[in-house]
Amino acid sequence: SQWKNNREELNSHGTRNGAYHFFLPKKDPLLQAKHFLKNYSAQEGDLPPVLDVEVEGKSNAQLIENMKIWLKKVEEVTGMRPVIYTSHHFYRTKFTGQFNNHKFWIANYNRNVSNLEDEQIIHWQFSDEGTVPGIEGFVDFNFSKIEFD
């Protein structure tokens, strides 16, 4: 509900930003992509869209197929290849070798830097208990192989 306000605030401060979609694998992926695109329109300088995949599908095959439908539609419309956010467990057991043209943002709180040796992993969320001045409560802490301007 705060998407537009947060985006305007970030833009007013010159902070690069983007959008992510929490994927529901048992729901129509094309309808989810259309909903995402109805609420998000790419702007110059945006970070790539992110597909957040944390829920099991009816099967791994169905989950992967539905993800591919969402990813393809969003890339076609935005012109940006989405990043896939998921747990290290899902990455290892479901997605390795399935999305060779995509980059991953992995949540893994064990502080094992070997995650960064994998070329497909570009962001690593290593904590959900970070603190930042001006923000009440915990925030996620991430390491990225990408430098942001």
N, C-alpha and C. Protein backbone atom coordinates (compact mmCIF):
# COMPACT_ATOMS: atom_id res chain seq x y z
N SER A 1 0.82 -1.21 0.00
CA SER A 1 0.00 0.00 0.00
C SER A 1 0.86 1.26 0.00
N GLN A 2 2.12 1.14 0.36
CA GLN A 2 3.02 2.31 0.42
C GLN A 2 3.96 2.40 -0.80
N TRP A 3 3.75 1.55 -1.79
CA TRP A 3 4.64 1.48 -2.94
C TRP A 3 4.88 2.84 -3.59
N LYS A 4 3.81 3.51 -3.99
CA LYS A 4 3.98 4.79 -4.71
C LYS A 4 4.67 5.84 -3.84
N ASN A 5 4.27 5.94 -2.60
CA ASN A 5 4.88 6.91 -1.68
C ASN A 5 6.36 6.61 -1.46
N ASN A 6 6.68 5.35 -1.20
CA ASN A 6 8.07 4.97 -0.97
C ASN A 6 8.92 5.24 -2.21
N ARG A 7 8.39 4.92 -3.37
CA ARG A 7 9.13 5.13 -4.62
C ARG A 7 9.39 6.62 -4.85
N GLU A 8 8.38 7.45 -4.64
CA GLU A 8 8.54 8.90 -4.80
C GLU A 8 9.60 9.43 -3.84
N GLU A 9 9.57 8.97 -2.59
CA GLU A 9 10.56 9.42 -1.60
C GLU A 9 11.97 9.01 -2.00
N LEU A 10 12.13 7.76 -2.40
CA LEU A 10 13.45 7.30 -2.82
C LEU A 10 13.95 8.10 -4.03
N ASN A 11 13.08 8.30 -5.00
CA ASN A 11 13.46 9.07 -6.19
C ASN A 11 13.83 10.50 -5.83
N SER A 12 13.10 11.10 -4.89
CA SER A 12 13.38 12.49 -4.52
C SER A 12 14.75 12.63 -3.85
N HIS A 13 15.25 11.54 -3.28
CA HIS A 13 16.57 11.54 -2.64
C HIS A 13 17.66 10.99 -3.57
N GLY A 14 17.28 10.66 -4.80
CA GLY A 14 18.26 10.14 -5.76
C GLY A 14 18.70 8.71 -5.46
N THR A 15 17.88 7.97 -4.72
CA THR A 15 18.21 6.60 -4.37
C THR A 15 17.62 5.64 -5.40
N ARG A 16 18.50 4.88 -6.05
CA ARG A 16 18.02 3.91 -7.03
C ARG A 16 17.13 2.89 -6.34
N ASN A 17 16.12 2.46 -7.05
CA ASN A 17 15.18 1.51 -6.48
C ASN A 17 14.53 0.70 -7.58
N GLY A 18 13.72 -0.23 -7.21
CA GLY A 18 13.00 -1.07 -8.15
C GLY A 18 11.86 -1.74 -7.41
N ALA A 19 11.33 -2.80 -8.00
CA ALA A 19 10.17 -3.46 -7.42
C ALA A 19 10.38 -4.97 -7.41
N TYR A 20 9.70 -5.62 -6.47
CA TYR A 20 9.74 -7.07 -6.46
C TYR A 20 8.32 -7.60 -6.32
N HIS A 21 8.16 -8.86 -6.71
CA HIS A 21 6.86 -9.52 -6.64
C HIS A 21 7.00 -10.81 -5.85
N PHE A 22 6.17 -10.98 -4.82
CA PHE A 22 6.14 -12.22 -4.05
C PHE A 22 5.31 -13.23 -4.85
N PHE A 23 5.97 -14.27 -5.32
CA PHE A 23 5.36 -15.23 -6.25
C PHE A 23 4.51 -16.26 -5.53
N LEU A 24 3.32 -16.49 -6.05
CA LEU A 24 2.41 -17.52 -5.54
C LEU A 24 2.33 -18.61 -6.60
N PRO A 25 3.10 -19.69 -6.44
CA PRO A 25 3.27 -20.67 -7.51
C PRO A 25 2.01 -21.42 -7.93
N LYS A 26 0.99 -21.43 -7.09
CA LYS A 26 -0.23 -22.15 -7.45
C LYS A 26 -1.26 -21.24 -8.11
N LYS A 27 -0.90 -19.96 -8.28
CA LYS A 27 -1.77 -18.99 -8.95
C LYS A 27 -1.27 -18.76 -10.38
N ASP A 28 -2.14 -18.29 -11.24
CA ASP A 28 -1.80 -18.05 -12.65
C ASP A 28 -0.63 -17.08 -12.75
N PRO A 29 0.51 -17.51 -13.32
CA PRO A 29 1.68 -16.65 -13.38
C PRO A 29 1.51 -15.45 -14.31
N LEU A 30 0.73 -15.60 -15.35
CA LEU A 30 0.52 -14.49 -16.27
C LEU A 30 -0.32 -13.40 -15.61
N LEU A 31 -1.34 -13.80 -14.85
CA LEU A 31 -2.14 -12.81 -14.12
C LEU A 31 -1.28 -12.10 -13.07
N GLN A 32 -0.36 -12.84 -12.42
CA GLN A 32 0.53 -12.21 -11.45
C GLN A 32 1.45 -11.21 -12.13
N ALA A 33 1.96 -11.57 -13.30
CA ALA A 33 2.84 -10.66 -14.05
C ALA A 33 2.06 -9.41 -14.45
N LYS A 34 0.85 -9.58 -14.92
CA LYS A 34 0.03 -8.43 -15.32
C LYS A 34 -0.27 -7.53 -14.13
N HIS A 35 -0.53 -8.11 -12.97
CA HIS A 35 -0.76 -7.32 -11.76
C HIS A 35 0.50 -6.53 -11.40
N PHE A 36 1.66 -7.19 -11.44
CA PHE A 36 2.93 -6.53 -11.16
C PHE A 36 3.12 -5.35 -12.11
N LEU A 37 2.91 -5.58 -13.40
CA LEU A 37 3.13 -4.55 -14.42
C LEU A 37 2.10 -3.42 -14.34
N LYS A 38 0.93 -3.71 -13.83
CA LYS A 38 -0.10 -2.67 -13.64
C LYS A 38 0.36 -1.68 -12.57
N ASN A 39 1.10 -2.17 -11.59
CA ASN A 39 1.53 -1.34 -10.47
C ASN A 39 2.95 -0.80 -10.61
N TYR A 40 3.71 -1.36 -11.53
CA TYR A 40 5.10 -0.95 -11.71
C TYR A 40 5.35 -0.61 -13.17
N SER A 41 5.90 0.56 -13.40
CA SER A 41 6.37 0.90 -14.74
C SER A 41 7.83 1.31 -14.60
N ALA A 42 8.65 0.71 -15.43
CA ALA A 42 10.10 0.92 -15.35
C ALA A 42 10.45 2.37 -15.65
N GLN A 43 11.39 2.89 -14.88
CA GLN A 43 11.93 4.24 -15.09
C GLN A 43 13.43 4.11 -15.33
N GLU A 44 13.99 5.06 -16.04
CA GLU A 44 15.42 5.04 -16.30
C GLU A 44 16.18 4.99 -14.96
N GLY A 45 17.15 4.11 -14.87
CA GLY A 45 17.96 3.99 -13.66
C GLY A 45 17.41 3.01 -12.64
N ASP A 46 16.23 2.41 -12.91
CA ASP A 46 15.68 1.43 -11.97
C ASP A 46 16.58 0.22 -11.84
N LEU A 47 16.53 -0.38 -10.66
CA LEU A 47 17.12 -1.70 -10.47
C LEU A 47 16.22 -2.71 -11.17
N PRO A 48 16.75 -3.86 -11.57
CA PRO A 48 15.90 -4.85 -12.25
C PRO A 48 14.77 -5.33 -11.35
N PRO A 49 13.64 -5.70 -11.94
CA PRO A 49 12.56 -6.31 -11.15
C PRO A 49 13.07 -7.58 -10.48
N VAL A 50 12.44 -7.93 -9.36
CA VAL A 50 12.82 -9.13 -8.62
C VAL A 50 11.61 -10.02 -8.44
N LEU A 51 11.80 -11.31 -8.72
CA LEU A 51 10.77 -12.31 -8.46
C LEU A 51 11.16 -13.04 -7.17
N ASP A 52 10.37 -12.87 -6.12
CA ASP A 52 10.62 -13.43 -4.80
C ASP A 52 9.92 -14.79 -4.72
N VAL A 53 10.71 -15.87 -4.68
CA VAL A 53 10.16 -17.23 -4.70
C VAL A 53 10.53 -17.94 -3.41
N GLU A 54 9.54 -18.09 -2.53
CA GLU A 54 9.78 -18.71 -1.23
C GLU A 54 8.78 -19.80 -0.89
N VAL A 55 7.82 -20.06 -1.79
CA VAL A 55 6.73 -20.99 -1.52
C VAL A 55 6.81 -22.16 -2.50
N GLU A 56 6.60 -23.38 -2.00
CA GLU A 56 6.60 -24.58 -2.83
C GLU A 56 5.45 -24.53 -3.84
N GLY A 57 5.67 -25.11 -4.98
CA GLY A 57 4.60 -25.29 -5.97
C GLY A 57 3.98 -26.66 -5.81
N LYS A 58 3.06 -27.01 -6.71
CA LYS A 58 2.48 -28.36 -6.69
C LYS A 58 3.57 -29.39 -6.96
N SER A 59 4.55 -28.99 -7.77
CA SER A 59 5.73 -29.80 -8.06
C SER A 59 6.85 -28.83 -8.43
N ASN A 60 8.08 -29.31 -8.42
CA ASN A 60 9.18 -28.45 -8.85
C ASN A 60 9.02 -28.05 -10.31
N ALA A 61 8.57 -28.99 -11.14
CA ALA A 61 8.39 -28.72 -12.57
C ALA A 61 7.35 -27.61 -12.78
N GLN A 62 6.24 -27.68 -12.05
CA GLN A 62 5.19 -26.67 -12.18
C GLN A 62 5.68 -25.32 -11.67
N LEU A 63 6.41 -25.32 -10.57
CA LEU A 63 6.96 -24.09 -10.02
C LEU A 63 7.88 -23.42 -11.04
N ILE A 64 8.80 -24.18 -11.60
CA ILE A 64 9.76 -23.64 -12.56
C ILE A 64 9.06 -23.14 -13.82
N GLU A 65 8.12 -23.89 -14.32
CA GLU A 65 7.39 -23.47 -15.53
C GLU A 65 6.64 -22.17 -15.28
N ASN A 66 5.96 -22.05 -14.15
CA ASN A 66 5.22 -20.83 -13.85
C ASN A 66 6.15 -19.64 -13.63
N MET A 67 7.29 -19.89 -13.02
CA MET A 67 8.28 -18.82 -12.87
C MET A 67 8.74 -18.32 -14.24
N LYS A 68 9.00 -19.24 -15.15
CA LYS A 68 9.47 -18.86 -16.48
C LYS A 68 8.44 -18.00 -17.21
N ILE A 69 7.17 -18.30 -17.03
CA ILE A 69 6.10 -17.50 -17.66
C ILE A 69 6.14 -16.08 -17.11
N TRP A 70 6.22 -15.94 -15.78
CA TRP A 70 6.27 -14.61 -15.15
C TRP A 70 7.51 -13.85 -15.60
N LEU A 71 8.66 -14.50 -15.54
CA LEU A 71 9.93 -13.86 -15.90
C LEU A 71 9.93 -13.36 -17.34
N LYS A 72 9.42 -14.19 -18.24
CA LYS A 72 9.40 -13.82 -19.66
C LYS A 72 8.51 -12.61 -19.90
N LYS A 73 7.32 -12.61 -19.32
CA LYS A 73 6.38 -11.50 -19.52
C LYS A 73 6.95 -10.20 -18.97
N VAL A 74 7.49 -10.23 -17.78
CA VAL A 74 8.02 -9.01 -17.15
C VAL A 74 9.23 -8.50 -17.93
N GLU A 75 10.07 -9.39 -18.40
CA GLU A 75 11.23 -8.95 -19.19
C GLU A 75 10.78 -8.33 -20.52
N GLU A 76 9.79 -8.94 -21.16
CA GLU A 76 9.28 -8.40 -22.43
C GLU A 76 8.78 -6.97 -22.27
N VAL A 77 8.07 -6.71 -21.19
CA VAL A 77 7.43 -5.40 -21.01
C VAL A 77 8.42 -4.36 -20.47
N THR A 78 9.27 -4.74 -19.53
CA THR A 78 10.17 -3.76 -18.91
C THR A 78 11.49 -3.59 -19.65
N GLY A 79 11.87 -4.59 -20.44
CA GLY A 79 13.17 -4.55 -21.10
C GLY A 79 14.32 -4.89 -20.17
N MET A 80 14.00 -5.33 -18.95
CA MET A 80 15.02 -5.71 -17.98
C MET A 80 14.82 -7.17 -17.58
N ARG A 81 15.91 -7.91 -17.48
CA ARG A 81 15.83 -9.29 -17.04
C ARG A 81 15.70 -9.32 -15.51
N PRO A 82 14.60 -9.88 -14.99
CA PRO A 82 14.42 -9.92 -13.54
C PRO A 82 15.46 -10.79 -12.84
N VAL A 83 15.71 -10.44 -11.59
CA VAL A 83 16.56 -11.21 -10.68
C VAL A 83 15.62 -12.11 -9.88
N ILE A 84 16.09 -13.30 -9.54
CA ILE A 84 15.27 -14.23 -8.73
C ILE A 84 15.80 -14.20 -7.29
N TYR A 85 14.91 -13.85 -6.35
CA TYR A 85 15.23 -13.88 -4.92
C TYR A 85 14.68 -15.17 -4.35
N THR A 86 15.50 -15.90 -3.61
CA THR A 86 15.04 -17.15 -3.02
C THR A 86 15.99 -17.57 -1.90
N SER A 87 15.63 -18.62 -1.21
CA SER A 87 16.50 -19.16 -0.17
C SER A 87 17.64 -19.96 -0.81
N HIS A 88 18.71 -20.12 -0.05
CA HIS A 88 19.82 -20.94 -0.54
C HIS A 88 19.36 -22.37 -0.78
N HIS A 89 18.48 -22.86 0.08
CA HIS A 89 17.94 -24.23 -0.07
C HIS A 89 17.19 -24.37 -1.40
N PHE A 90 16.28 -23.45 -1.71
CA PHE A 90 15.54 -23.53 -2.98
C PHE A 90 16.51 -23.44 -4.15
N TYR A 91 17.48 -22.54 -4.05
CA TYR A 91 18.45 -22.37 -5.13
C TYR A 91 19.17 -23.69 -5.41
N ARG A 92 19.68 -24.32 -4.36
CA ARG A 92 20.44 -25.57 -4.52
C ARG A 92 19.57 -26.73 -4.99
N THR A 93 18.36 -26.85 -4.43
CA THR A 93 17.55 -28.06 -4.66
C THR A 93 16.56 -27.94 -5.82
N LYS A 94 16.25 -26.72 -6.25
CA LYS A 94 15.22 -26.56 -7.28
C LYS A 94 15.71 -25.80 -8.52
N PHE A 95 16.55 -24.79 -8.34
CA PHE A 95 16.78 -23.85 -9.43
C PHE A 95 18.14 -23.95 -10.11
N THR A 96 19.11 -24.61 -9.49
CA THR A 96 20.43 -24.72 -10.11
C THR A 96 20.27 -25.42 -11.46
N GLY A 97 20.79 -24.78 -12.51
CA GLY A 97 20.70 -25.34 -13.86
C GLY A 97 19.40 -25.07 -14.59
N GLN A 98 18.43 -24.46 -13.92
CA GLN A 98 17.12 -24.21 -14.53
C GLN A 98 16.98 -22.80 -15.12
N PHE A 99 17.76 -21.86 -14.61
CA PHE A 99 17.64 -20.46 -15.02
C PHE A 99 19.02 -19.90 -15.34
N ASN A 100 19.68 -20.50 -16.30
CA ASN A 100 21.07 -20.15 -16.60
C ASN A 100 21.26 -18.71 -17.06
N ASN A 101 20.22 -18.06 -17.56
CA ASN A 101 20.34 -16.68 -18.03
C ASN A 101 19.88 -15.66 -16.99
N HIS A 102 19.60 -16.11 -15.78
CA HIS A 102 19.15 -15.22 -14.72
C HIS A 102 20.16 -15.17 -13.59
N LYS A 103 20.15 -14.07 -12.87
CA LYS A 103 20.97 -13.90 -11.68
C LYS A 103 20.08 -14.11 -10.46
N PHE A 104 20.72 -14.45 -9.35
CA PHE A 104 19.99 -14.76 -8.12
C PHE A 104 20.43 -13.87 -6.97
N TRP A 105 19.45 -13.63 -6.09
CA TRP A 105 19.65 -12.93 -4.83
C TRP A 105 19.27 -13.97 -3.78
N ILE A 106 20.24 -14.44 -3.02
CA ILE A 106 20.05 -15.57 -2.12
C ILE A 106 19.96 -15.11 -0.66
N ALA A 107 18.97 -15.63 0.04
CA ALA A 107 18.86 -15.43 1.48
C ALA A 107 19.50 -16.63 2.15
N ASN A 108 20.57 -16.37 2.92
CA ASN A 108 21.26 -17.43 3.63
C ASN A 108 21.95 -16.79 4.83
N TYR A 109 21.44 -17.05 6.02
CA TYR A 109 21.88 -16.34 7.21
C TYR A 109 23.04 -17.02 7.94
N ASN A 110 23.72 -17.96 7.31
CA ASN A 110 24.81 -18.63 8.02
C ASN A 110 26.16 -17.96 7.81
N ARG A 111 26.20 -16.85 7.08
CA ARG A 111 27.42 -16.07 6.84
C ARG A 111 28.51 -16.88 6.13
N ASN A 112 28.09 -17.80 5.29
CA ASN A 112 29.03 -18.62 4.52
C ASN A 112 29.35 -17.90 3.21
N VAL A 113 30.51 -17.26 3.15
CA VAL A 113 30.86 -16.47 1.98
C VAL A 113 31.07 -17.30 0.73
N SER A 114 31.08 -18.62 0.83
CA SER A 114 31.22 -19.44 -0.37
C SER A 114 30.05 -19.25 -1.31
N ASN A 115 28.93 -18.71 -0.80
CA ASN A 115 27.79 -18.40 -1.67
C ASN A 115 28.21 -17.47 -2.80
N LEU A 116 29.15 -16.62 -2.53
CA LEU A 116 29.55 -15.59 -3.49
C LEU A 116 30.44 -16.13 -4.59
N GLU A 117 30.91 -17.36 -4.46
CA GLU A 117 31.74 -17.95 -5.49
C GLU A 117 30.92 -18.33 -6.72
N ASP A 118 29.65 -18.55 -6.56
CA ASP A 118 28.75 -18.91 -7.65
C ASP A 118 28.47 -17.67 -8.50
N GLU A 119 28.75 -17.75 -9.79
CA GLU A 119 28.59 -16.59 -10.67
C GLU A 119 27.15 -16.14 -10.83
N GLN A 120 26.19 -17.05 -10.64
CA GLN A 120 24.79 -16.66 -10.78
C GLN A 120 24.28 -15.88 -9.58
N ILE A 121 24.93 -16.01 -8.44
CA ILE A 121 24.50 -15.28 -7.24
C ILE A 121 25.17 -13.92 -7.25
N ILE A 122 24.33 -12.86 -7.34
CA ILE A 122 24.89 -11.50 -7.36
C ILE A 122 24.61 -10.74 -6.07
N HIS A 123 23.59 -11.15 -5.33
CA HIS A 123 23.28 -10.52 -4.05
C HIS A 123 23.11 -11.63 -3.02
N TRP A 124 23.56 -11.34 -1.80
CA TRP A 124 23.45 -12.31 -0.71
C TRP A 124 22.89 -11.59 0.51
N GLN A 125 21.68 -11.99 0.92
CA GLN A 125 21.07 -11.46 2.14
C GLN A 125 21.57 -12.31 3.29
N PHE A 126 22.39 -11.72 4.16
CA PHE A 126 23.04 -12.50 5.20
C PHE A 126 22.47 -12.26 6.60
N SER A 127 21.57 -11.28 6.74
CA SER A 127 20.98 -11.03 8.05
C SER A 127 19.63 -10.33 7.89
N ASP A 128 18.74 -10.62 8.80
CA ASP A 128 17.46 -9.90 8.85
C ASP A 128 17.35 -9.14 10.17
N GLU A 129 18.50 -8.89 10.81
CA GLU A 129 18.52 -8.20 12.09
C GLU A 129 19.44 -6.98 12.07
N GLY A 130 19.56 -6.35 10.92
CA GLY A 130 20.39 -5.15 10.82
C GLY A 130 19.66 -3.94 11.35
N THR A 131 20.42 -2.92 11.69
CA THR A 131 19.83 -1.66 12.12
C THR A 131 20.42 -0.53 11.29
N VAL A 132 19.57 0.46 11.01
CA VAL A 132 19.95 1.61 10.21
C VAL A 132 19.39 2.85 10.90
N PRO A 133 20.21 3.90 11.07
CA PRO A 133 19.69 5.12 11.68
C PRO A 133 18.48 5.65 10.90
N GLY A 134 17.45 6.03 11.63
CA GLY A 134 16.25 6.59 11.01
C GLY A 134 15.17 5.57 10.72
N ILE A 135 15.47 4.29 10.90
CA ILE A 135 14.47 3.23 10.66
C ILE A 135 14.26 2.48 11.96
N GLU A 136 13.01 2.40 12.38
CA GLU A 136 12.68 1.64 13.58
C GLU A 136 12.59 0.17 13.24
N GLY A 137 13.12 -0.67 14.09
CA GLY A 137 13.07 -2.11 13.88
C GLY A 137 14.22 -2.60 13.01
N PHE A 138 14.22 -3.91 12.81
CA PHE A 138 15.29 -4.53 12.05
C PHE A 138 15.08 -4.38 10.54
N VAL A 139 16.19 -4.39 9.82
CA VAL A 139 16.17 -4.38 8.36
C VAL A 139 17.07 -5.52 7.87
N ASP A 140 16.87 -5.91 6.62
CA ASP A 140 17.72 -6.94 6.02
C ASP A 140 19.06 -6.33 5.63
N PHE A 141 20.12 -7.09 5.82
CA PHE A 141 21.45 -6.68 5.37
C PHE A 141 21.86 -7.60 4.23
N ASN A 142 22.41 -7.00 3.19
CA ASN A 142 22.80 -7.73 2.00
C ASN A 142 24.21 -7.36 1.58
N PHE A 143 24.84 -8.29 0.90
CA PHE A 143 26.10 -8.02 0.22
C PHE A 143 25.81 -8.15 -1.26
N SER A 144 26.38 -7.27 -2.07
CA SER A 144 26.16 -7.33 -3.51
C SER A 144 27.49 -7.31 -4.24
N LYS A 145 27.57 -8.07 -5.31
CA LYS A 145 28.74 -8.04 -6.19
C LYS A 145 28.68 -6.83 -7.12
N ILE A 146 27.56 -6.13 -7.12
CA ILE A 146 27.35 -5.00 -8.02
C ILE A 146 27.53 -3.71 -7.23
N GLU A 147 28.24 -2.76 -7.81
CA GLU A 147 28.34 -1.43 -7.20
C GLU A 147 27.22 -0.57 -7.74
N PHE A 148 26.50 0.07 -6.85
CA PHE A 148 25.39 0.93 -7.24
C PHE A 148 25.84 2.38 -7.15
N ASP A 149 25.51 3.15 -8.18
CA ASP A 149 25.86 4.56 -8.20
C ASP A 149 25.05 5.34 -7.18
